[in-house]
Protein backbone atom coordinates (compact mmCIF):
# COMPACT_ATOMS: atom_id res chain seq x y z
CA UNK A 1 0.60 -0.14 0.09
CA UNK A 2 2.74 2.34 0.11
CA UNK A 3 1.48 3.66 -3.32
CA UNK A 4 -1.85 5.26 -1.87
CA UNK A 5 -1.27 8.04 -0.09
CA UNK A 6 -3.67 9.86 2.92
CA UNK A 7 -3.92 12.75 4.37
CA UNK A 8 -5.14 13.45 7.78
CA UNK A 9 -6.91 17.17 8.01
CA UNK A 10 -7.06 19.53 10.88
CA UNK A 11 -7.38 23.00 11.48
CA UNK A 12 -8.13 22.76 15.22
CA UNK A 13 -5.16 20.27 16.97
CA UNK A 14 -1.63 21.18 17.14
CA UNK A 15 0.17 18.23 14.37
CA UNK A 16 1.32 15.99 17.39
CA UNK A 17 -2.14 15.87 18.70
CA UNK A 18 -2.50 11.80 20.68
CA UNK A 19 -5.45 10.64 18.42
CA UNK A 20 -4.37 12.37 14.91
CA UNK A 21 -0.51 11.89 15.04
CA UNK A 22 0.64 9.39 17.88
CA UNK A 23 -1.75 6.98 16.84
CA UNK A 24 -4.17 7.34 13.77
CA UNK A 25 -1.51 8.69 11.14
CA UNK A 26 1.32 6.69 12.76
CA UNK A 27 -0.21 3.57 12.60
CA UNK A 28 -1.10 3.68 8.83
CA UNK A 29 2.43 4.74 7.97
CA UNK A 30 3.29 1.39 9.43
CA UNK A 31 0.52 -0.63 8.14
CA UNK A 32 1.69 0.98 4.65
CA UNK A 33 0.48 3.99 3.87
CA UNK A 34 2.03 6.98 2.36
CA UNK A 35 0.64 9.81 4.75
CA UNK A 36 0.11 13.06 4.52
CA UNK A 37 -1.15 15.05 8.14
CA UNK A 38 -2.27 19.06 7.27
CA UNK A 39 -1.81 20.65 10.31
CA UNK A 40 -1.50 24.28 12.34
CA UNK A 41 2.57 24.40 12.85
CA UNK A 42 5.43 26.66 12.46
CA UNK A 43 7.46 24.12 10.27
CA UNK A 44 7.07 21.06 7.83
CA UNK A 45 8.83 18.06 8.65
CA UNK A 46 9.05 14.38 8.12
CA UNK A 47 8.54 11.96 11.90
CA UNK A 48 8.16 8.47 11.83
CA UNK A 49 6.98 7.29 8.31
CA UNK A 50 3.92 10.38 8.01
CA UNK A 51 4.74 13.91 6.27
CA UNK A 52 3.86 17.09 7.83
CA UNK A 53 2.59 19.80 5.46
CA UNK A 54 2.02 23.06 7.89
CA UNK A 55 -0.70 25.62 8.25
CA UNK A 56 -0.22 29.07 8.98
CA UNK A 57 -1.57 29.58 12.58
CA UNK A 58 -4.94 30.79 12.04
CA UNK A 59 -4.85 34.76 14.46
CA UNK A 60 -8.76 33.86 15.48
CA UNK A 61 -11.71 31.33 15.58
CA UNK A 62 -13.34 33.47 11.91
CA UNK A 63 -9.64 33.38 10.19
CA UNK A 64 -9.25 29.62 11.11
CA UNK A 65 -12.67 28.64 9.67
CA UNK A 66 -12.30 30.65 6.42
CA UNK A 67 -8.29 31.13 5.45
CA UNK A 68 -7.45 28.48 7.38
CA UNK A 69 -10.67 26.30 5.44
CA UNK A 70 -9.07 27.65 1.78
CA UNK A 71 -5.14 26.97 2.73
CA UNK A 72 -6.14 23.40 4.07
CA UNK A 73 -8.62 22.49 0.71
CA UNK A 74 -4.99 24.00 -1.65
CA UNK A 75 -2.71 21.52 0.97
CA UNK A 76 -4.56 18.11 0.52
CA UNK A 77 -4.75 18.83 -3.13
CA UNK A 78 -1.07 19.35 -3.30
CA UNK A 79 -0.36 16.43 -1.09
CA UNK A 80 -2.59 13.76 -3.65
CA UNK A 81 -3.91 12.04 -1.44
CA UNK A 82 -6.72 9.28 -2.38
CA UNK A 83 -8.25 9.43 0.99
CA UNK A 84 -8.25 12.87 2.86
CA UNK A 85 -9.60 11.93 6.98
CA UNK A 86 -10.79 15.26 8.35
CA UNK A 87 -10.85 15.52 12.59
CA UNK A 88 -12.75 19.30 12.93
CA UNK A 89 -16.54 19.67 12.60
CA UNK A 90 -15.23 22.57 10.62
CA UNK A 91 -13.92 21.38 8.19
CA UNK A 92 -17.17 19.38 7.03
CA UNK A 93 -17.92 22.12 4.46
CA UNK A 94 -13.73 21.62 3.48
CA UNK A 95 -14.43 17.92 3.54
CA UNK A 96 -17.66 17.92 1.40
CA UNK A 97 -15.24 20.23 -1.45
CA UNK A 98 -12.57 17.46 -1.54
CA UNK A 99 -15.62 14.67 -1.74
CA UNK A 100 -16.99 17.03 -4.82
CA UNK A 101 -12.80 16.72 -6.15
CA UNK A 102 -13.28 12.76 -6.74
CA UNK A 103 -11.33 12.00 -2.90
CA UNK A 104 -12.71 9.63 -0.63
CA UNK A 105 -13.34 11.26 2.39
CA UNK A 106 -13.48 9.80 6.24
CA UNK A 107 -14.79 12.26 8.79
CA UNK A 108 -13.65 11.46 12.63
CA UNK A 109 -15.48 12.77 15.46
CA UNK A 110 -14.17 13.49 18.44
CA UNK A 111 -16.82 14.80 20.26
CA UNK A 112 -20.51 14.69 20.90
CA UNK A 113 -21.10 18.17 19.07
CA UNK A 114 -24.90 18.77 19.34
CA UNK A 115 -24.46 18.24 22.87
CA UNK A 116 -20.43 20.08 23.32
CA UNK A 117 -22.28 22.98 21.72
CA UNK A 118 -25.09 23.35 25.04
CA UNK A 119 -22.15 23.98 27.09
CA UNK A 120 -20.15 26.07 25.03
CA UNK A 121 -19.22 28.97 27.07
CA UNK A 122 -18.94 31.63 23.35
CA UNK A 123 -22.49 30.68 22.38
CA UNK A 124 -24.78 33.01 23.78
CA UNK A 125 -27.04 30.66 26.11
CA UNK A 126 -30.21 32.14 24.13
CA UNK A 127 -28.59 30.23 20.78
CA UNK A 128 -27.33 27.60 22.04
CA UNK A 129 -29.78 25.05 21.62
CA UNK A 130 -30.62 26.34 17.94
CA UNK A 131 -27.18 26.10 17.04
CA UNK A 132 -27.00 22.52 18.68
CA UNK A 133 -29.80 21.42 15.80
CA UNK A 134 -27.64 23.16 12.93
CA UNK A 135 -24.64 20.75 14.19
CA UNK A 136 -26.73 17.99 14.11
CA UNK A 137 -28.14 18.86 10.79
CA UNK A 138 -25.10 19.54 9.14
CA UNK A 139 -23.91 15.77 11.24
CA UNK A 140 -26.81 14.15 9.07
CA UNK A 141 -25.36 15.46 5.79
CA UNK A 142 -22.02 15.29 6.28
CA UNK A 143 -22.70 11.34 7.09
CA UNK A 144 -24.75 11.15 3.78
CA UNK A 145 -22.47 12.56 2.03
CA UNK A 146 -18.89 11.41 3.13
CA UNK A 147 -17.54 7.70 2.75
CA UNK A 148 -17.16 6.74 6.55
CA UNK A 149 -17.49 7.68 10.08
CA UNK A 150 -15.00 7.32 13.16
CA UNK A 151 -16.50 7.83 16.00
CA UNK A 152 -15.21 8.54 19.38
CA UNK A 153 -16.88 6.63 21.41
CA UNK A 154 -20.22 3.91 20.64
CA UNK A 155 -22.06 7.11 22.63
CA UNK A 156 -21.48 8.99 19.27
CA UNK A 157 -20.96 6.40 16.96
CA UNK A 158 -25.52 5.92 17.56
CA UNK A 159 -26.00 9.27 15.57
CA UNK A 160 -24.74 8.17 12.71
CA UNK A 161 -25.62 5.03 9.82
CA UNK A 162 -24.27 2.38 11.37
CA UNK A 163 -23.21 1.28 7.99
CA UNK A 164 -20.52 3.24 7.46
CA UNK A 165 -19.25 4.58 11.22
CA UNK A 166 -16.61 2.57 12.82
CA UNK A 167 -15.61 3.11 16.46
CA UNK A 168 -11.92 3.66 17.12
CA UNK A 169 -11.59 3.96 20.58
CA UNK A 170 -9.05 6.78 21.90
CA UNK A 171 -7.25 3.80 24.21
CA UNK A 172 -3.42 4.26 24.95
CA UNK A 173 -0.67 2.93 23.07
CA UNK A 174 1.48 0.36 25.58
CA UNK A 175 4.60 0.87 24.64
CA UNK A 176 4.32 4.24 25.70
CA UNK A 177 5.00 3.20 29.23
CA UNK A 178 7.51 0.21 28.80
CA UNK A 179 10.10 0.63 31.44
CA UNK A 180 8.77 3.98 32.00
CA UNK A 181 6.06 2.45 35.15
CA UNK A 182 8.01 2.88 38.83
CA UNK A 183 6.27 -0.01 41.58
CA UNK A 184 3.91 1.65 43.14
CA UNK A 185 5.12 1.28 46.60
CA UNK A 186 8.28 3.42 45.78
CA UNK A 187 6.03 6.81 43.99
CA UNK A 188 6.28 9.53 45.76
CA UNK A 189 3.25 10.92 47.15
CA UNK A 190 2.01 12.84 43.97
CA UNK A 191 -1.89 12.81 42.98
CA UNK A 192 -2.06 13.71 39.07
CA UNK A 193 -4.13 15.72 36.39
CA UNK A 194 -2.99 16.11 33.27
CA UNK A 195 -4.74 17.47 30.53
CA UNK A 196 -6.49 20.87 29.43
CA UNK A 197 -6.98 23.04 32.50
CA UNK A 198 -10.25 24.36 32.52
CA UNK A 199 -12.56 24.94 35.34
CA UNK A 200 -15.53 21.78 33.81
CA UNK A 201 -12.99 19.58 33.94
CA UNK A 202 -12.73 20.31 37.20
CA UNK A 203 -9.37 22.15 38.61
CA UNK A 204 -11.30 23.90 41.25
CA UNK A 205 -12.77 21.25 42.89
CA UNK A 206 -9.34 19.10 42.84
CA UNK A 207 -7.35 21.79 44.41
CA UNK A 208 -9.66 22.43 46.65
CA UNK A 209 -9.69 18.74 47.28
CA UNK A 210 -6.36 18.34 47.98
CA UNK A 211 -6.65 21.16 51.06
CA UNK A 212 -8.53 19.13 52.57
CA UNK A 213 -6.34 15.79 52.45
CA UNK A 214 -4.32 15.14 55.73
CA UNK A 215 -1.47 12.69 54.72
CA UNK A 216 1.49 14.99 53.29
CA UNK A 217 0.18 14.53 48.99
CA UNK A 218 0.70 16.88 46.50
CA UNK A 219 -1.36 17.69 43.14
CA UNK A 220 0.61 17.99 40.00
CA UNK A 221 -1.07 19.97 37.38
CA UNK A 222 0.66 19.10 33.82
CA UNK A 223 -1.18 21.38 30.79
CA UNK A 224 -2.11 24.74 29.95
CA UNK A 225 -4.92 27.47 31.64
CA UNK A 226 -7.87 28.08 29.80
CA UNK A 227 -7.23 31.61 30.92
CA UNK A 228 -5.55 33.32 33.16
CA UNK A 229 -8.12 34.47 35.29
CA UNK A 230 -8.41 30.54 36.33
CA UNK A 231 -4.69 30.18 37.21
CA UNK A 232 -5.42 33.39 39.44
CA UNK A 233 -8.07 32.13 41.12
CA UNK A 234 -6.43 28.48 41.54
CA UNK A 235 -3.66 30.52 42.74
CA UNK A 236 -5.63 32.16 45.75
CA UNK A 237 -7.12 28.30 46.87
CA UNK A 238 -5.59 27.46 49.97
CA UNK A 239 -4.90 24.50 48.32
CA UNK A 240 -2.56 25.85 46.12
CA UNK A 241 0.08 25.75 48.38
CA UNK A 242 0.52 21.93 48.11
CA UNK A 243 -0.20 22.02 44.06
CA UNK A 244 2.36 21.61 41.58
CA UNK A 245 2.11 23.22 38.43
CA UNK A 246 4.13 21.92 35.48
CA UNK A 247 2.32 23.71 32.52
CA UNK A 248 2.53 21.99 29.31
CA UNK A 249 4.78 18.93 28.97
CA UNK A 250 5.26 16.26 26.64
CA UNK A 251 4.60 12.70 25.67
CA UNK A 252 7.99 11.21 27.33
CA UNK A 253 7.99 13.42 30.03
CA UNK A 254 3.66 12.43 30.90
CA UNK A 255 4.88 8.79 30.67
CA UNK A 256 6.98 9.82 33.33
CA UNK A 257 4.69 11.23 35.65
CA UNK A 258 1.60 8.72 34.87
CA UNK A 259 3.83 6.37 35.81
CA UNK A 260 4.64 7.50 39.59
CA UNK A 261 2.48 9.05 40.45
CA UNK A 262 -0.06 7.22 43.43
CA UNK A 263 -2.98 8.56 42.11
CA UNK A 264 -4.60 9.90 39.04
CA UNK A 265 -7.65 12.50 38.85
CA UNK A 266 -10.23 12.59 36.03
CA UNK A 267 -13.11 14.79 37.83
CA UNK A 268 -15.04 16.69 34.84
CA UNK A 269 -18.22 18.36 35.61
CA UNK A 270 -21.84 16.41 34.84
CA UNK A 271 -22.66 18.30 31.41
CA UNK A 272 -24.27 16.24 28.60
CA UNK A 273 -21.29 16.43 26.65
CA UNK A 274 -19.44 14.47 29.39
CA UNK A 275 -21.44 11.97 31.06
CA UNK A 276 -20.48 9.74 28.23
CA UNK A 277 -17.22 10.57 27.20
CA UNK A 278 -14.85 8.58 27.40
CA UNK A 279 -11.86 10.13 28.50
CA UNK A 280 -8.26 9.22 27.50
CA UNK A 281 -6.82 10.45 30.59
CA UNK A 282 -8.55 7.37 32.37
CA UNK A 283 -6.51 4.46 29.98
CA UNK A 284 -3.75 6.53 30.91
CA UNK A 285 -3.78 6.59 34.52
CA UNK A 286 -5.14 2.27 33.26
CA UNK A 287 -1.86 2.06 31.66
CA UNK A 288 0.65 3.29 34.16
CA UNK A 289 -1.04 1.05 36.87
CA UNK A 290 -2.38 3.77 38.30
CA UNK A 291 -5.52 3.76 40.51
CA UNK A 292 -7.70 6.74 39.44
CA UNK A 293 -10.40 9.17 41.20
CA UNK A 294 -13.32 10.04 38.24
CA UNK A 295 -16.41 11.16 38.19
CA UNK A 296 -19.42 8.82 38.97
CA UNK A 297 -20.62 8.81 35.29
CA UNK A 298 -22.18 5.28 34.24
CA UNK A 299 -20.32 4.28 31.23
CA UNK A 300 -17.19 5.28 33.21
CA UNK A 301 -17.39 2.67 35.75
CA UNK A 302 -18.71 -0.32 33.37
CA UNK A 303 -14.78 0.71 31.46
CA UNK A 304 -12.91 1.63 35.09
CA UNK A 305 -14.49 -1.00 37.30
CA UNK A 306 -12.22 -2.02 39.75
CA UNK A 307 -9.56 -0.13 39.14
CA UNK A 308 -9.99 3.03 40.65
CA UNK A 309 -12.88 4.90 42.99
CA UNK A 310 -15.82 7.08 41.51
CA UNK A 311 -17.18 10.37 43.52
CA UNK A 312 -19.14 12.92 42.76
CA UNK A 313 -17.92 15.46 40.99
CA UNK A 314 -18.24 18.76 41.85
CA UNK A 315 -18.04 17.61 46.22
CA UNK A 316 -14.34 18.60 46.91
CA UNK A 317 -14.83 16.86 50.11
CA UNK A 318 -15.47 14.01 48.47
CA UNK A 319 -12.99 13.70 46.20
CA UNK A 320 -10.67 14.82 49.39
CA UNK A 321 -11.96 11.38 51.52
CA UNK A 322 -11.24 9.51 47.72
CA UNK A 323 -7.80 10.46 48.05
CA UNK A 324 -6.86 10.44 51.32
CA UNK A 325 -8.39 6.32 51.19
CA UNK A 326 -5.77 5.49 48.19
CA UNK A 327 -2.99 6.85 50.41
CA UNK A 328 -3.62 5.37 52.98
CA UNK A 329 -4.78 1.64 51.68
CA UNK A 330 -1.85 1.30 49.33
CA UNK A 331 -1.99 -2.65 49.34
CA UNK A 332 -6.15 -2.11 47.92
CA UNK A 333 -4.69 0.73 45.82
CA UNK A 334 -1.75 -1.51 44.06
CA UNK A 335 -4.44 -4.16 43.31
CA UNK A 336 -6.75 -1.74 41.67
CA UNK A 337 -3.72 -0.14 39.79
CA UNK A 338 -2.49 -4.46 38.66
CA UNK A 339 -6.24 -4.55 37.58
CA UNK A 340 -6.53 -1.36 34.96
CA UNK A 341 -3.38 -2.13 33.63
CA UNK A 342 -4.37 -6.38 33.31
CA UNK A 343 -7.69 -4.55 31.62
CA UNK A 344 -5.56 -2.03 29.17
CA UNK A 345 -3.64 -4.90 28.01
CA UNK A 346 -6.43 -7.80 27.41
CA UNK A 347 -8.91 -4.60 26.02
CA UNK A 348 -8.29 -1.01 26.65
CA UNK A 349 -5.37 -0.47 23.91
CA UNK A 350 -4.45 1.42 20.97
CA UNK A 351 -3.06 -1.85 19.33
CA UNK A 352 -6.84 -3.63 18.70
CA UNK A 353 -8.17 -0.34 17.54
CA UNK A 354 -5.45 0.15 14.94
CA UNK A 355 -6.06 -2.88 13.41
CA UNK A 356 -9.78 -1.40 13.16
CA UNK A 357 -8.88 1.59 11.79
CA UNK A 358 -6.68 -0.63 8.29
CA UNK A 359 -9.19 -2.37 8.21
CA UNK A 360 -11.76 0.83 7.58
CA UNK A 361 -9.26 1.51 4.90
CA UNK A 362 -9.92 -1.35 2.96
CA UNK A 363 -12.94 -1.40 2.97
CA UNK A 364 -13.22 2.52 2.08
CA UNK A 365 -10.47 1.86 -1.02
CA UNK A 366 -13.17 -1.01 -2.57
CA UNK A 367 -15.43 1.69 -2.93
């Protein structure tokens, strides 16, 4: 398949995005395809068999939608790709134009978009239901026209025609943590949250909870703040004195942090788009044999039962109690970590998802 050219396209995500580049694009290159990734970047390079075509980073949301869409279309044509895999909802119209140009188009739906719109702070509240309805309509049109839909979760897949939809979970690569996991008893007393540092993902509750924990534990925050205002708010909370903010870290450093944490946190607020989401971080904690404290959503329990504790994400006292319990019961915590690792090795790993993705491409190319 070395002569079959594929192009992954995003105007939102960075070129080294975990799902797009680290998992999908790399796996397809390893399967023998000629893979190009078009994404906002400062330079064009070739890494691990994937060629990056750089888009000039956008100046704002409208620049991303208009100018970047045109640039993205031109770059895809320049790549001479036979199949184009788009990753952002604003690229639906670009995808339709590429379909008209004779390309096969796959749409990767990362989020439940109609539900996500209902929680977008930049959309006036009185317009959110209309925006959700319009988003749902555009999804249905795109699903009819595009050659296939890739859904990040089973809940998202339910919104699309089953005959052309496949669920590709965002499970971790087993290889990323090999040799980086510290034996549980030797780990420092650190509680980790890695990801976007936002209000809707429970960072206020995390900082408040760590201030209530009696054991001498430290909260590690690795990621980028959604705003300077949120950072200032958290810095004034009592729990901030026991919090270490690292900022953004690369995948190598993240693997190290995952492998030495005593507890991982995933405390998404119970908004519509979160309740049936499957955050990558839960599975990364499991892969690193790290017990977690997570929001008590039914689907999260279904995937992670026995590997962590589930709490009300809006209750800092309950979060603190769960952290305290895991710190004070290291035998049970270690068993939870081992259970999580077993589940990832048996079911929840990227290697199995990569095979599904390759099969999908084979089917699309036969059409």
